[in-house]
PDB file of N, CA and C in Angstrom:
ATOM      1  N   MET A   1       0.741  -1.267   0.162  1.00  0.00           N
ATOM      2  CA  MET A   1      -0.110  -0.118   0.045  1.00  0.00           C
ATOM      3  C   MET A   1       0.916   1.269   0.084  1.00  0.00           C
ATOM      4  N   ARG A   2       0.392   2.389  -0.603  1.00  0.00           N
ATOM      5  CA  ARG A   2       1.012   3.415  -0.804  1.00  0.00           C
ATOM      6  C   ARG A   2       1.136   4.272   0.581  1.00  0.00           C
ATOM      7  N   GLU A   3       2.304   5.112   0.767  1.00  0.00           N
ATOM      8  CA  GLU A   3       2.187   6.072   2.019  1.00  0.00           C
ATOM      9  C   GLU A   3       1.048   6.706   2.020  1.00  0.00           C
ATOM     10  N   ALA A   4       0.406   7.241   3.324  1.00  0.00           N
ATOM     11  CA  ALA A   4      -0.556   8.029   3.198  1.00  0.00           C
ATOM     12  C   ALA A   4      -0.113   9.388   3.042  1.00  0.00           C
ATOM     13  N   ARG A   5      -1.050  10.432   2.185  1.00  0.00           N
ATOM     14  CA  ARG A   5      -0.750  11.475   1.771  1.00  0.00           C
ATOM     15  C   ARG A   5      -1.733  12.533   2.273  1.00  0.00           C
ATOM     16  N   SER A   6      -1.414  13.627   2.394  1.00  0.00           N
ATOM     17  CA  SER A   6      -2.174  15.013   2.579  1.00  0.00           C
ATOM     18  C   SER A   6      -3.288  15.156   1.661  1.00  0.00           C
ATOM     19  N   LYS A   7      -4.221  16.079   1.988  1.00  0.00           N
ATOM     20  CA  LYS A   7      -5.134  16.543   1.100  1.00  0.00           C
ATOM     21  C   LYS A   7      -4.634  17.430  -0.093  1.00  0.00           C
ATOM     22  N   LYS A   8      -3.580  18.216   0.172  1.00  0.00           N
ATOM     23  CA  LYS A   8      -2.934  18.869  -0.793  1.00  0.00           C
ATOM     24  C   LYS A   8      -2.635  17.953  -1.945  1.00  0.00           C
ATOM     25  N   GLU A   9      -1.678  16.948  -1.520  1.00  0.00           N
ATOM     26  CA  GLU A   9      -1.163  15.958  -2.518  1.00  0.00           C
ATOM     27  C   GLU A   9      -1.908  15.438  -3.265  1.00  0.00           C
ATOM     28  N   LEU A  10      -3.439  15.114  -2.464  1.00  0.00           N
ATOM     29  CA  LEU A  10      -4.176  14.336  -3.495  1.00  0.00           C
ATOM     30  C   LEU A  10      -4.821  15.215  -4.492  1.00  0.00           C
ATOM     31  N   LYS A  11      -5.112  16.399  -4.266  1.00  0.00           N
ATOM     32  CA  LYS A  11      -5.742  17.235  -4.846  1.00  0.00           C
ATOM     33  C   LYS A  11      -4.956  17.490  -6.375  1.00  0.00           C
ATOM     34  N   GLY A  12      -3.420  17.898  -6.179  1.00  0.00           N
ATOM     35  CA  GLY A  12      -2.486  17.654  -7.100  1.00  0.00           C
ATOM     36  C   GLY A  12      -2.538  16.582  -8.025  1.00  0.00           C
ATOM     37  N   GLU A  13      -2.794  15.195  -7.387  1.00  0.00           N
ATOM     38  CA  GLU A  13      -2.945  14.075  -8.383  1.00  0.00           C
ATOM     39  C   GLU A  13      -4.021  14.110  -9.020  1.00  0.00           C
ATOM     40  N   GLY A  14      -5.210  14.837  -8.315  1.00  0.00           N
ATOM     41  CA  GLY A  14      -6.219  14.498  -9.167  1.00  0.00           C
ATOM     42  C   GLY A  14      -6.281  15.574 -10.432  1.00  0.00           C
ATOM     43  N   THR A  15      -5.592  16.663 -10.480  1.00  0.00           N
ATOM     44  CA  THR A  15      -5.662  17.050 -11.546  1.00  0.00           C
ATOM     45  C   THR A  15      -4.827  16.650 -12.803  1.00  0.00           C
ATOM     46  N   ALA A  16      -4.332  15.411 -12.472  1.00  0.00           N
ATOM     47  CA  ALA A  16      -3.575  14.616 -13.625  1.00  0.00           C
ATOM     48  C   ALA A  16      -4.390  13.606 -14.160  1.00  0.00           C
ATOM     49  N   ILE A  17      -5.846  13.188 -13.569  1.00  0.00           N
ATOM     50  CA  ILE A  17      -6.461  12.234 -14.004  1.00  0.00           C
ATOM     51  C   ILE A  17      -7.703  12.791 -14.587  1.00  0.00           C
ATOM     52  N   LYS A  18      -8.273  11.795 -15.195  1.00  0.00           N
ATOM     53  CA  LYS A  18      -9.833  12.140 -16.025  1.00  0.00           C
ATOM     54  C   LYS A  18     -10.714  11.402 -15.430  1.00  0.00           C
ATOM     55  N   PRO A  19     -11.938  12.124 -15.396  1.00  0.00           N
ATOM     56  CA  PRO A  19     -13.014  11.760 -14.821  1.00  0.00           C
ATOM     57  C   PRO A  19     -13.470  10.195 -15.527  1.00  0.00           C
ATOM     58  N   THR A  20     -13.837   9.390 -14.479  1.00  0.00           N
ATOM     59  CA  THR A  20     -14.049   8.109 -15.033  1.00  0.00           C
ATOM     60  C   THR A  20     -15.661   7.637 -14.726  1.00  0.00           C
ATOM     61  N   ILE A  21     -15.994   8.622 -14.210  1.00  0.00           N
ATOM     62  CA  ILE A  21     -17.632   8.390 -13.734  1.00  0.00           C
ATOM     63  C   ILE A  21     -18.506   9.413 -13.933  1.00  0.00           C
ATOM     64  N   HIS A  22     -19.598   9.455 -14.560  1.00  0.00           N
ATOM     65  CA  HIS A  22     -20.194  10.719 -14.954  1.00  0.00           C
ATOM     66  C   HIS A  22     -21.662  10.463 -14.469  1.00  0.00           C
ATOM     67  N   VAL A  23     -22.007  11.667 -13.883  1.00  0.00           N
ATOM     68  CA  VAL A  23     -23.424  11.785 -12.874  1.00  0.00           C
ATOM     69  C   VAL A  23     -24.324  12.560 -13.927  1.00  0.00           C
ATOM     70  N   GLY A  24     -25.575  11.976 -14.549  1.00  0.00           N
ATOM     71  CA  GLY A  24     -26.238  12.972 -15.459  1.00  0.00           C
ATOM     72  C   GLY A  24     -27.561  13.393 -14.561  1.00  0.00           C
ATOM     73  N   LYS A  25     -28.640  13.384 -15.586  1.00  0.00           N
ATOM     74  CA  LYS A  25     -29.986  13.827 -14.827  1.00  0.00           C
ATOM     75  C   LYS A  25     -30.685  13.159 -14.106  1.00  0.00           C
ATOM     76  N   GLY A  26     -30.302  11.738 -14.282  1.00  0.00           N
ATOM     77  CA  GLY A  26     -30.837  10.701 -13.365  1.00  0.00           C
ATOM     78  C   GLY A  26     -30.327  10.646 -12.028  1.00  0.00           C
ATOM     79  N   GLY A  27     -29.324  11.583 -11.669  1.00  0.00           N
ATOM     80  CA  GLY A  27     -28.735  11.707 -10.394  1.00  0.00           C
ATOM     81  C   GLY A  27     -28.208  10.391  -9.730  1.00  0.00           C
ATOM     82  N   LEU A  28     -27.798  10.234  -8.406  1.00  0.00           N
ATOM     83  CA  LEU A  28     -27.306   9.374  -7.877  1.00  0.00           C
ATOM     84  C   LEU A  28     -28.014   7.835  -8.054  1.00  0.00           C
ATOM     85  N   THR A  29     -27.438   6.910  -8.667  1.00  0.00           N
ATOM     86  CA  THR A  29     -27.929   5.676  -8.765  1.00  0.00           C
ATOM     87  C   THR A  29     -27.299   4.485  -8.061  1.00  0.00           C
ATOM     88  N   GLU A  30     -27.824   3.516  -7.856  1.00  0.00           N
ATOM     89  CA  GLU A  30     -27.161   2.614  -7.048  1.00  0.00           C
ATOM     90  C   GLU A  30     -25.894   1.972  -7.908  1.00  0.00           C
ATOM     91  N   GLY A  31     -26.169   1.951  -9.285  1.00  0.00           N
ATOM     92  CA  GLY A  31     -25.157   1.660  -9.991  1.00  0.00           C
ATOM     93  C   GLY A  31     -23.990   2.620 -10.077  1.00  0.00           C
ATOM     94  N   ILE A  32     -24.086   3.988  -9.751  1.00  0.00           N
ATOM     95  CA  ILE A  32     -23.176   4.747  -9.704  1.00  0.00           C
ATOM     96  C   ILE A  32     -22.069   4.534  -8.555  1.00  0.00           C
ATOM     97  N   VAL A  33     -23.119   4.506  -7.564  1.00  0.00           N
ATOM     98  CA  VAL A  33     -22.650   4.055  -6.140  1.00  0.00           C
ATOM     99  C   VAL A  33     -21.384   2.785  -6.216  1.00  0.00           C
ATOM    100  N   GLU A  34     -22.154   1.862  -6.805  1.00  0.00           N
ATOM    101  CA  GLU A  34     -21.228   0.682  -6.669  1.00  0.00           C
ATOM    102  C   GLU A  34     -19.833   0.813  -7.824  1.00  0.00           C
ATOM    103  N   GLU A  35     -19.979   1.291  -8.728  1.00  0.00           N
ATOM    104  CA  GLU A  35     -18.968   1.668  -9.718  1.00  0.00           C
ATOM    105  C   GLU A  35     -17.625   2.566  -8.913  1.00  0.00           C
ATOM    106  N   VAL A  36     -18.281   3.415  -8.270  1.00  0.00           N
ATOM    107  CA  VAL A  36     -17.227   4.170  -7.148  1.00  0.00           C
ATOM    108  C   VAL A  36     -16.945   3.536  -6.141  1.00  0.00           C
ATOM    109  N   LYS A  37     -17.336   2.437  -5.823  1.00  0.00           N
ATOM    110  CA  LYS A  37     -16.821   1.580  -4.705  1.00  0.00           C
ATOM    111  C   LYS A  37     -15.921   0.604  -5.382  1.00  0.00           C
ATOM    112  N   ILE A  38     -15.872   0.593  -6.459  1.00  0.00           N
ATOM    113  CA  ILE A  38     -14.967  -0.534  -7.256  1.00  0.00           C
ATOM    114  C   ILE A  38     -13.639   0.179  -7.567  1.00  0.00           C
ATOM    115  N   GLN A  39     -13.992   1.252  -8.104  1.00  0.00           N
ATOM    116  CA  GLN A  39     -12.910   2.165  -8.674  1.00  0.00           C
ATOM    117  C   GLN A  39     -12.210   2.814  -7.257  1.00  0.00           C
ATOM    118  N   VAL A  40     -12.616   3.262  -6.327  1.00  0.00           N
ATOM    119  CA  VAL A  40     -11.879   3.788  -5.182  1.00  0.00           C
ATOM    120  C   VAL A  40     -11.067   2.591  -4.902  1.00  0.00           C
ATOM    121  N   LYS A  41     -11.911   1.354  -4.762  1.00  0.00           N
ATOM    122  CA  LYS A  41     -10.853   0.284  -4.191  1.00  0.00           C
ATOM    123  C   LYS A  41      -9.556  -0.130  -4.992  1.00  0.00           C
ATOM    124  N   ALA A  42      -9.808   0.147  -6.335  1.00  0.00           N
ATOM    125  CA  ALA A  42      -8.725  -0.354  -7.399  1.00  0.00           C
ATOM    126  C   ALA A  42      -7.889   1.012  -7.453  1.00  0.00           C
ATOM    127  N   ASN A  43      -8.232   1.988  -7.703  1.00  0.00           N
ATOM    128  CA  ASN A  43      -7.273   3.246  -7.976  1.00  0.00           C
ATOM    129  C   ASN A  43      -7.155   4.105  -6.785  1.00  0.00           C
ATOM    130  N   LYS A  44      -7.715   4.141  -5.689  1.00  0.00           N
ATOM    131  CA  LYS A  44      -7.689   4.711  -4.551  1.00  0.00           C
ATOM    132  C   LYS A  44      -7.966   6.348  -4.777  1.00  0.00           C
ATOM    133  N   LEU A  45      -7.866   7.053  -6.078  1.00  0.00           N
ATOM    134  CA  LEU A  45      -8.617   8.176  -6.327  1.00  0.00           C
ATOM    135  C   LEU A  45      -9.448   8.153  -7.529  1.00  0.00           C
ATOM    136  N   VAL A  46     -10.743   8.993  -7.358  1.00  0.00           N
ATOM    137  CA  VAL A  46     -11.665   8.803  -8.394  1.00  0.00           C
ATOM    138  C   VAL A  46     -12.073  10.219  -8.491  1.00  0.00           C
ATOM    139  N   LYS A  47     -11.903  10.577 -10.157  1.00  0.00           N
ATOM    140  CA  LYS A  47     -12.806  11.760 -10.455  1.00  0.00           C
ATOM    141  C   LYS A  47     -14.143  11.566 -11.147  1.00  0.00           C
ATOM    142  N   ILE A  48     -14.898  12.492 -10.625  1.00  0.00           N
ATOM    143  CA  ILE A  48     -16.310  12.281 -11.119  1.00  0.00           C
ATOM    144  C   ILE A  48     -16.859  13.733 -11.784  1.00  0.00           C
ATOM    145  N   LYS A  49     -17.512  13.557 -12.952  1.00  0.00           N
ATOM    146  CA  LYS A  49     -18.043  14.447 -13.434  1.00  0.00           C
ATOM    147  C   LYS A  49     -19.447  14.626 -13.313  1.00  0.00           C
ATOM    148  N   VAL A  50     -19.983  15.940 -12.755  1.00  0.00           N
ATOM    149  CA  VAL A  50     -21.713  15.857 -12.670  1.00  0.00           C
ATOM    150  C   VAL A  50     -22.112  16.808 -14.002  1.00  0.00           C
ATOM    151  N   LEU A  51     -22.952  16.162 -14.599  1.00  0.00           N
ATOM    152  CA  LEU A  51     -23.146  17.094 -15.716  1.00  0.00           C
ATOM    153  C   LEU A  51     -24.293  18.034 -15.347  1.00  0.00           C
ATOM    154  N   ALA A  52     -24.410  19.034 -16.294  1.00  0.00           N
ATOM    155  CA  ALA A  52     -25.233  20.297 -15.745  1.00  0.00           C
ATOM    156  C   ALA A  52     -26.477  19.942 -15.629  1.00  0.00           C
ATOM    157  N   SER A  53     -27.042  18.717 -16.405  1.00  0.00           N
ATOM    158  CA  SER A  53     -28.397  18.475 -16.240  1.00  0.00           C
ATOM    159  C   SER A  53     -28.943  17.756 -14.780  1.00  0.00           C
ATOM    160  N   SER A  54     -27.665  17.409 -14.093  1.00  0.00           N
ATOM    161  CA  SER A  54     -28.133  16.804 -12.773  1.00  0.00           C
ATOM    162  C   SER A  54     -28.487  17.873 -12.137  1.00  0.00           C
ATOM    163  N   SER A  55     -29.839  17.253 -11.384  1.00  0.00           N
ATOM    164  CA  SER A  55     -30.735  18.336 -10.542  1.00  0.00           C
ATOM    165  C   SER A  55     -30.217  18.258  -9.017  1.00  0.00           C
ATOM    166  N   GLN A  56     -29.082  17.890  -8.772  1.00  0.00           N
ATOM    167  CA  GLN A  56     -28.722  17.776  -7.465  1.00  0.00           C
ATOM    168  C   GLN A  56     -27.531  18.611  -7.000  1.00  0.00           C
ATOM    169  N   GLU A  57     -27.480  19.441  -5.910  1.00  0.00           N
ATOM    170  CA  GLU A  57     -26.505  20.326  -5.649  1.00  0.00           C
ATOM    171  C   GLU A  57     -24.795  19.457  -5.521  1.00  0.00           C
ATOM    172  N   LYS A  58     -24.132  20.142  -6.256  1.00  0.00           N
ATOM    173  CA  LYS A  58     -22.652  19.153  -6.172  1.00  0.00           C
ATOM    174  C   LYS A  58     -22.057  18.769  -4.855  1.00  0.00           C
ATOM    175  N   LYS A  59     -22.149  19.815  -3.847  1.00  0.00           N
ATOM    176  CA  LYS A  59     -21.688  19.420  -2.748  1.00  0.00           C
ATOM    177  C   LYS A  59     -22.462  18.649  -1.812  1.00  0.00           C
ATOM    178  N   GLU A  60     -23.831  18.402  -1.856  1.00  0.00           N
ATOM    179  CA  GLU A  60     -24.684  17.452  -1.439  1.00  0.00           C
ATOM    180  C   GLU A  60     -24.409  16.030  -1.950  1.00  0.00           C
ATOM    181  N   LEU A  61     -24.340  16.131  -3.368  1.00  0.00           N
ATOM    182  CA  LEU A  61     -24.179  14.992  -4.055  1.00  0.00           C
ATOM    183  C   LEU A  61     -22.937  14.186  -3.901  1.00  0.00           C
ATOM    184  N   ALA A  62     -21.522  15.177  -3.657  1.00  0.00           N
ATOM    185  CA  ALA A  62     -20.392  14.756  -3.248  1.00  0.00           C
ATOM    186  C   ALA A  62     -20.481  13.739  -1.804  1.00  0.00           C
ATOM    187  N   GLU A  63     -21.104  14.687  -0.870  1.00  0.00           N
ATOM    188  CA  GLU A  63     -21.201  13.866   0.483  1.00  0.00           C
ATOM    189  C   GLU A  63     -21.824  12.758   0.651  1.00  0.00           C
ATOM    190  N   GLU A  64     -23.181  12.739  -0.242  1.00  0.00           N
ATOM    191  CA  GLU A  64     -23.916  11.227  -0.142  1.00  0.00           C
ATOM    192  C   GLU A  64     -23.197  10.557  -0.696  1.00  0.00           C
ATOM    193  N   LEU A  65     -22.439  10.549  -1.808  1.00  0.00           N
ATOM    194  CA  LEU A  65     -21.660   9.677  -2.620  1.00  0.00           C
ATOM    195  C   LEU A  65     -20.779   9.086  -1.881  1.00  0.00           C
ATOM    196  N   ALA A  66     -19.801   9.749  -1.122  1.00  0.00           N
ATOM    197  CA  ALA A  66     -18.773   9.523  -0.190  1.00  0.00           C
ATOM    198  C   ALA A  66     -19.484   8.877   0.473  1.00  0.00           C
ATOM    199  N   ARG A  67     -20.482   9.284   1.632  1.00  0.00           N
ATOM    200  CA  ARG A  67     -21.111   8.349   2.489  1.00  0.00           C
ATOM    201  C   ARG A  67     -21.420   6.831   2.231  1.00  0.00           C
ATOM    202  N   ARG A  68     -22.392   6.630   0.961  1.00  0.00           N
ATOM    203  CA  ARG A  68     -22.888   5.577   0.536  1.00  0.00           C
ATOM    204  C   ARG A  68     -21.534   4.767   0.041  1.00  0.00           C
ATOM    205  N   SER A  69     -20.419   5.244  -0.590  1.00  0.00           N
ATOM    206  CA  SER A  69     -19.465   4.490  -0.911  1.00  0.00           C
ATOM    207  C   SER A  69     -18.479   4.221  -0.347  1.00  0.00           C
ATOM    208  N   GLY A  70     -18.269   4.606   1.011  1.00  0.00           N
ATOM    209  CA  GLY A  70     -17.019   4.382   2.077  1.00  0.00           C
ATOM    210  C   GLY A  70     -16.061   5.285   1.637  1.00  0.00           C
ATOM    211  N   ALA A  71     -16.149   6.393   1.117  1.00  0.00           N
ATOM    212  CA  ALA A  71     -14.957   7.240   0.531  1.00  0.00           C
ATOM    213  C   ALA A  71     -14.887   8.429   1.105  1.00  0.00           C
ATOM    214  N   LYS A  72     -13.818   9.345   0.810  1.00  0.00           N
ATOM    215  CA  LYS A  72     -13.977  10.597   1.445  1.00  0.00           C
ATOM    216  C   LYS A  72     -13.894  11.833   0.494  1.00  0.00           C
ATOM    217  N   VAL A  73     -14.389  12.741   0.368  1.00  0.00           N
ATOM    218  CA  VAL A  73     -14.346  13.758  -0.476  1.00  0.00           C
ATOM    219  C   VAL A  73     -13.101  14.745  -0.504  1.00  0.00           C
ATOM    220  N   VAL A  74     -12.292  14.721  -1.239  1.00  0.00           N
ATOM    221  CA  VAL A  74     -11.217  15.543  -1.304  1.00  0.00           C
ATOM    222  C   VAL A  74     -11.316  16.736  -1.759  1.00  0.00           C
ATOM    223  N   GLU A  75     -12.262  17.084  -2.689  1.00  0.00           N
ATOM    224  CA  GLU A  75     -12.431  18.362  -3.288  1.00  0.00           C
ATOM    225  C   GLU A  75     -13.864  18.539  -4.502  1.00  0.00           C
ATOM    226  N   VAL A  76     -14.559  19.457  -4.298  1.00  0.00           N
ATOM    227  CA  VAL A  76     -15.462  19.760  -5.062  1.00  0.00           C
ATOM    228  C   VAL A  76     -15.132  20.968  -5.860  1.00  0.00           C
ATOM    229  N   ARG A  77     -15.032  21.200  -7.245  1.00  0.00           N
ATOM    230  CA  ARG A  77     -14.779  22.133  -7.976  1.00  0.00           C
ATOM    231  C   ARG A  77     -15.394  21.999  -8.912  1.00  0.00           C
ATOM    232  N   GLY A  78     -16.278  23.349  -9.405  1.00  0.00           N
ATOM    233  CA  GLY A  78     -17.136  23.272 -10.328  1.00  0.00           C
ATOM    234  C   GLY A  78     -18.274  22.020 -10.529  1.00  0.00           C
ATOM    235  N   ASN A  79     -18.139  21.423 -11.503  1.00  0.00           N
ATOM    236  CA  ASN A  79     -19.033  20.114 -11.795  1.00  0.00           C
ATOM    237  C   ASN A  79     -18.212  18.978 -11.512  1.00  0.00           C
ATOM    238  N   THR A  80     -16.975  18.767 -10.914  1.00  0.00           N
ATOM    239  CA  THR A  80     -16.134  17.708 -10.507  1.00  0.00           C
ATOM    240  C   THR A  80     -15.828  17.316  -9.365  1.00  0.00           C
ATOM    241  N   ILE A  81     -15.924  16.130  -8.694  1.00  0.00           N
ATOM    242  CA  ILE A  81     -15.703  15.653  -7.272  1.00  0.00           C
ATOM    243  C   ILE A  81     -14.763  14.713  -7.455  1.00  0.00           C
ATOM    244  N   LEU A  82     -13.999  15.016  -6.541  1.00  0.00           N
ATOM    245  CA  LEU A  82     -12.714  14.070  -6.441  1.00  0.00           C
ATOM    246  C   LEU A  82     -12.901  13.596  -4.987  1.00  0.00           C
ATOM    247  N   LEU A  83     -12.881  11.898  -5.256  1.00  0.00           N
ATOM    248  CA  LEU A  83     -12.944  11.330  -3.714  1.00  0.00           C
ATOM    249  C   LEU A  83     -11.896  10.250  -3.903  1.00  0.00           C
ATOM    250  N   CYS A  84     -11.316  10.249  -2.645  1.00  0.00           N
ATOM    251  CA  CYS A  84     -10.054   9.002  -2.276  1.00  0.00           C
ATOM    252  C   CYS A  84     -10.916   7.971  -1.185  1.00  0.00           C
ATOM    253  N   ASP A  85      -9.926   7.192  -1.025  1.00  0.00           N
ATOM    254  CA  ASP A  85     -10.026   5.669  -0.191  1.00  0.00           C
ATOM    255  C   ASP A  85      -9.586   6.566   1.138  1.00  0.00           C
ATOM    256  N   GLU A  86     -10.434   6.318   2.294  1.00  0.00           N
ATOM    257  CA  GLU A  86      -9.996   6.859   3.473  1.00  0.00           C
ATOM    258  C   GLU A  86      -8.759   6.710   4.099  1.00  0.00           C
ATOM    259  N   ARG A  87      -8.298   5.349   3.334  1.00  0.00           N
ATOM    260  CA  ARG A  87      -6.992   4.803   4.253  1.00  0.00           C
ATOM    261  C   ARG A  87      -5.497   5.567   3.738  1.00  0.00           C
ATOM    262  N   ILE A  88      -5.833   6.428   2.472  1.00  0.00           N
ATOM    263  CA  ILE A  88      -4.573   6.882   2.002  1.00  0.00           C
ATOM    264  C   ILE A  88      -4.378   8.328   2.547  1.00  0.00           C
ATOM    265  N   LEU A  89      -5.247   8.973   3.183  1.00  0.00           N
ATOM    266  CA  LEU A  89      -5.281  10.041   3.865  1.00  0.00           C
ATOM    267  C   LEU A  89      -4.068  10.435   5.003  1.00  0.00           C
ATOM    268  N   ALA A  90      -3.172  11.038   4.837  1.00  0.00           N
ATOM    269  CA  ALA A  90      -2.263  11.100   5.990  1.00  0.00           C
ATOM    270  C   ALA A  90      -2.942  11.589   7.317  1.00  0.00           C
ATOM    271  N   ALA A  91      -2.526  11.241   8.397  1.00  0.00           N
ATOM    272  CA  ALA A  91      -3.295  11.700   9.915  1.00  0.00           C
ATOM    273  C   ALA A  91      -3.064  13.116  10.172  1.00  0.00           C
ATOM    274  N   LYS A  92      -1.989  13.710   9.623  1.00  0.00           N
ATOM    275  CA  LYS A  92      -1.759  15.266   9.764  1.00  0.00           C
ATOM    276  C   LYS A  92      -2.641  16.043   9.064  1.00  0.00           C
ATOM    277  N   GLY A  93      -3.007  15.437   7.711  1.00  0.00           N
ATOM    278  CA  GLY A  93      -3.873  16.224   6.873  1.00  0.00           C
ATOM    279  C   GLY A  93      -5.287  16.179   7.560  1.00  0.00           C
ATOM    280  N   GLY A  94      -5.793  15.301   8.335  1.00  0.00           N
ATOM    281  CA  GLY A  94      -7.073  15.487   8.790  1.00  0.00           C
ATOM    282  C   GLY A  94      -8.149  14.616   8.034  1.00  0.00           C
ATOM    283  N   PRO A  95      -9.606  14.727   8.150  1.00  0.00           N
ATOM    284  CA  PRO A  95     -10.396  14.207   7.368  1.00  0.00           C
ATOM    285  C   PRO A  95     -10.374  15.081   6.270  1.00  0.00           C
ATOM    286  N   CYS A  96     -10.915  14.331   5.337  1.00  0.00           N
ATOM    287  CA  CYS A  96     -11.154  14.754   3.851  1.00  0.00           C
ATOM    288  C   CYS A  96     -12.578  15.890   4.125  1.00  0.00           C
TER     289      CYS A  96
END
């Protein structure tokens, strides 16, 4: 397992990856939650694109998705959500 990283380091890594999950006007479905669980476990860091047609508030969507998938919110910027595996956060960085 990789060494624990701070929230700042994770944000930097997040800029280099492309969104692999898209949330559309259907909102948060069980299929999306399951896919996030799989990708967080495999990649430790996942970028999600929320389409403008989505009816949910981005920050609320990020928190609900993190809660349901067992991940932590690293950042919500515009229509993009960055989630990480909670085990890779540095203790000094505190909770996402």
